[in-house]
Structures are given as C-alpha cells and as structure tokens.
C-alpha cells in the first residue's frame, strides 16, 4: 500500500493580513476625528479576512478552493486539466467545461499541487 501525500495548503502572503490590520488600527484615528468615516474600516477588515482565509488546499481526494466567506470542494475526478494564464495564475478546468480560479496558486506551485494529488505531472508542449 502506498503512502498518501500530505495535504498542501497554498495561501496568500501573510503580509496582506498584517497590512490590513495595521490599516484598521490607523483608521481608528479617523473614527475619532470624523465618526461618519467609521464605515471605511470595513474595507481593511474585509481585506484582512480575505488575506487570512482565501487559498487552495489539495490532497489525494481533491481540491478545496477557499474564498473569504465560503469554500468549494472539487474532487480530482471532476478535474480535466490545470491551466495557467498569462499572469501565472492557475485555473482548473472541470469535466463540465467550467473553469475555476485557484486562489494563491501560481504556475510555480503546479508540481507541488499535482504531487499532493498523488498523480504524475503531464505537460502539454503544444506550440
């Protein structure tokens, strides 16, 4: 029996969350100066939650795509291919033809992502 690959967790840089928290702290001075600006603190709060939570998890059963407020499980059997775009971001094309963006996954992460699935990496070298 073969050993299963460990779960791979890909997240955005923690610096995003730290910067958002610092912005919230700095923004509290705005609330003291002008209370009507208090709702502006929602923006760095939303960025902090997104930066902390959004990302992609991969294991032998499939992918879990996490957004700021939700997540979606995609079994490997539903994946037809992994695609990179011109900016180096990765999308997964499902058997249904629909494409789903993988947050925090870059083209350089593809070998680790495929290794987490327990499969071999196959590249398309078409011109």
Protein backbone atom coordinates (compact mmCIF):
# COMPACT_ATOMS: atom_id res chain seq x y z
CA UNK A 1 0.00 0.00 0.00
CA UNK A 2 1.46 3.38 -0.99
CA UNK A 3 1.82 6.27 1.37
CA UNK A 4 -0.60 9.12 0.70
CA UNK A 5 0.76 12.59 0.01
CA UNK A 6 0.20 15.15 2.77
CA UNK A 7 -2.28 17.97 2.36
CA UNK A 8 -0.89 21.02 0.57
CA UNK A 9 -2.12 24.41 1.79
CA UNK A 10 -1.48 27.39 -0.50
CA UNK A 11 -2.32 30.82 0.89
CA UNK A 12 -1.62 34.44 0.03
CA UNK A 13 1.24 36.17 1.79
CA UNK A 14 0.55 36.88 5.49
CA UNK A 15 1.80 40.40 4.79
CA UNK A 16 -1.61 41.18 3.24
CA UNK A 17 -3.40 40.42 6.51
CA UNK A 18 -0.81 42.31 8.57
CA UNK A 19 -1.07 45.38 6.32
CA UNK A 20 -4.87 45.30 6.56
CA UNK A 21 -4.77 45.08 10.37
CA UNK A 22 -2.31 47.99 10.52
CA UNK A 23 -4.66 49.98 8.25
CA UNK A 24 -7.56 49.23 10.59
CA UNK A 25 -5.58 50.40 13.60
CA UNK A 26 -4.53 53.57 11.79
CA UNK A 27 -8.11 54.05 10.60
CA UNK A 28 -9.46 54.13 14.15
CA UNK A 29 -8.00 57.63 14.45
CA UNK A 30 -10.34 58.62 11.60
CA UNK A 31 -13.29 57.44 13.67
CA UNK A 32 -12.29 59.78 16.48
CA UNK A 33 -11.88 62.67 14.09
CA UNK A 34 -14.96 62.06 11.94
CA UNK A 35 -17.43 59.38 13.04
CA UNK A 36 -19.04 59.29 9.58
CA UNK A 37 -15.81 57.76 8.24
CA UNK A 38 -16.14 54.75 10.55
CA UNK A 39 -17.71 52.53 7.82
CA UNK A 40 -14.45 52.85 5.86
CA UNK A 41 -12.91 50.43 8.38
CA UNK A 42 -14.95 47.68 6.76
CA UNK A 43 -12.59 47.72 3.77
CA UNK A 44 -9.37 46.77 5.62
CA UNK A 45 -11.38 44.30 7.73
CA UNK A 46 -12.61 42.57 4.56
CA UNK A 47 -9.09 42.52 3.11
CA UNK A 48 -7.72 41.04 6.36
CA UNK A 49 -10.32 38.24 6.36
CA UNK A 50 -9.71 37.52 2.67
CA UNK A 51 -5.92 37.51 3.07
CA UNK A 52 -6.12 35.19 6.08
CA UNK A 53 -8.67 32.74 4.68
CA UNK A 54 -8.51 32.64 0.85
CA UNK A 55 -6.40 29.95 -0.77
CA UNK A 56 -6.34 26.43 -2.12
CA UNK A 57 -5.93 23.12 -0.30
CA UNK A 58 -5.03 19.94 -2.18
CA UNK A 59 -4.91 16.32 -1.07
CA UNK A 60 -5.29 12.89 -2.65
CA UNK A 61 -9.11 13.24 -2.83
CA UNK A 62 -9.33 16.68 -4.45
CA UNK A 63 -9.07 20.44 -4.15
CA UNK A 64 -10.70 22.78 -1.68
CA UNK A 65 -10.99 26.33 -3.01
CA UNK A 66 -11.41 28.81 -0.16
CA UNK A 67 -12.75 32.32 -0.53
CA UNK A 68 -13.27 34.97 2.16
CA UNK A 69 -16.68 33.63 3.18
CA UNK A 70 -17.06 30.18 1.65
CA UNK A 71 -15.33 27.17 0.20
CA UNK A 72 -15.87 24.62 -2.55
CA UNK A 73 -14.65 21.03 -2.70
CA UNK A 74 -13.64 19.73 -6.14
CA UNK A 75 -12.81 16.01 -6.40
CA UNK A 76 -9.93 15.11 -8.72
CA UNK A 77 -12.36 13.04 -10.79
CA UNK A 78 -14.09 16.31 -11.82
CA UNK A 79 -10.80 17.94 -12.93
CA UNK A 80 -9.93 17.66 -16.60
CA UNK A 81 -6.88 19.96 -16.60
CA UNK A 82 -4.94 22.65 -14.77
CA UNK A 83 -4.38 25.79 -16.85
CA UNK A 84 -2.04 28.74 -16.34
CA UNK A 85 -2.82 32.19 -17.69
CA UNK A 86 -0.51 34.93 -18.95
CA UNK A 87 -0.10 36.33 -15.42
CA UNK A 88 0.99 32.98 -14.00
CA UNK A 89 -2.24 32.27 -12.13
CA UNK A 90 -3.74 28.80 -12.22
CA UNK A 91 -7.29 27.75 -13.12
CA UNK A 92 -8.77 24.30 -13.04
CA UNK A 93 -10.97 23.19 -15.94
CA UNK A 94 -13.72 20.87 -14.80
CA UNK A 95 -15.11 17.95 -16.79
CA UNK A 96 -18.22 20.12 -17.33
CA UNK A 97 -16.07 22.68 -19.19
CA UNK A 98 -16.33 25.31 -16.46
CA UNK A 99 -13.10 26.96 -15.26
CA UNK A 100 -12.49 27.75 -11.58
CA UNK A 101 -9.68 30.05 -10.41
CA UNK A 102 -7.40 28.62 -7.74
CA UNK A 103 -6.59 31.39 -5.24
CA UNK A 104 -2.95 31.71 -4.13
CA UNK A 105 -1.74 29.16 -6.70
CA UNK A 106 0.89 30.24 -9.21
CA UNK A 107 2.41 28.34 -12.12
CA UNK A 108 5.46 27.54 -9.99
CA UNK A 109 3.19 25.74 -7.50
CA UNK A 110 1.86 23.27 -10.09
CA UNK A 111 4.37 20.45 -9.42
CA UNK A 112 3.56 20.53 -5.68
CA UNK A 113 -0.18 20.70 -6.40
CA UNK A 114 -0.04 17.68 -8.68
CA UNK A 115 2.19 15.80 -6.21
CA UNK A 116 -0.44 16.36 -3.50
CA UNK A 117 -2.94 14.58 -5.76
CA UNK A 118 -0.72 11.51 -5.94
CA UNK A 119 -0.56 11.77 -9.75
CA UNK A 120 2.30 12.45 -12.18
CA UNK A 121 2.66 15.87 -13.83
CA UNK A 122 1.89 15.79 -17.55
CA UNK A 123 2.62 18.93 -19.56
CA UNK A 124 1.19 19.98 -22.88
CA UNK A 125 4.08 21.12 -25.04
CA UNK A 126 1.91 22.16 -27.99
CA UNK A 127 3.11 25.32 -29.81
